[in-house]
C-alpha cells in the first residue's frame, strides 16, 4: 500500500515538475515590492459581473486606503465573443466602467502600456492561456479569475509560462475566502477529517462541467480539505451532481453541485475538535483584499499545485460521469494532460 501511495505521489509531483513548478510553490520567489506610484490596474474582459464589482470597489474614493491606493484606469472588453451569455453583457459593462472613469482600449497590448497590474477577468477560460502569456511577457503581475482555464492542460501551460517569464500569478474563486472556510482552514475545529460542500452548478458546453460554476463549491472543498485527493466518483441526476473524493490519507470530501431548487453556497466540515458549518458567503471583498496583497508582495495566496489539483479533480469528475460513475484517479488526469503537451 505504501509503495502504491509513493507511486501516485511521484507521478503527481512529476506532472507539476514537468511544467517547471515545484510543489513548494516556487512562483512565490518572483515577488518584488511595488513602487507606491505603481497602482494602476487594468482589466481584461468585461463579460463578467466580477469586472464591474472590482472596478466599483477599487474606484470608490470613500473606502480610503483599504485597497492600498489601487485603481482601475483602463479595460480591454474582450472577453468572450462566442459564449452568448457572456458576450451579451459586454456593451452594457463597457458603459458601466466608463462611468467609473475607466478608459476602454482596443487591445491587450494597448492596455499593458497604461497599467501596472492586471485583473484577467475574461469569463471564457479557453482564452486565458493566450491572454495570460501576453501579460506575462510584459512582466506585470496578474490575477486570473475562475476558471483559470478550460482544461487541466491549459492550466498547466499557464503556470509553465509564468515560470518562464518569472511573473507571479494566481487564480481563485471568491468562495475560497469566505470567513467561515478560512477559520476552519486555520484550525478552528482541529484537523479536518472530512467535508461536504455545495454550490450552484450551471454547465457551459465549451468547458468541463464543473469548471464553469461548480468550481466555487470545489474550491471551498479544497480550502478546508487541502491538497491530496487521489480519486473521485460522480453520481449525476437532473437535480444535482455529487462528486466524492478520497484523499491520500483516506479522508473523504464531497461536492454537491445544485441544479434544481434553491441556489446557495456552503457546507459542513468534520474535524477532530468539532463539526462546523462553513457559513454565509462573504462576497467579493475578501478575495479583492487578497488580490491587492498579492499585487503588493508578489506572493500568491493559493499555490499553483493546489489550483492544478482542483482542475484534475474536476476533469476526473467528467471522466467518472462518462464511465457510469466509475472511480477515476487524478493521476490519470495529469498523465492525460501531459500527453497533450
Foldseek 3Di string as FASTA:
>chain_A
DVVVLVVLVVLLQCLLVVLPAGPVFVLQVLWDFDDLPQQEEEEEALQDVVVLVLQCVLLDPVVPCLLPNHHYAEYEHDADPPQCSRNVRRVVSVVSNVVSNHHYDHDVVVRLVPHQAYEYERLAQQCQLVSLLVVLQSQHAYEYEFPPHQALLSLSSSVSSCVVSSHFYYYDDLLLQQPLLQCLLVAVQHQWQEKEWEFAFDADVSGQRCRNPVLSRLSSQCSNNPDFWWKWFWDDDQAWIKIWTQGPVRRIYMYIHGRDDDGATWIWIDHPRGIDISDHRPPNVSVSSQVSVCSRTVGHPDGSSSSSLSSLSSVNHSVNVVVVGDMDTSSVSSVVSVVVD
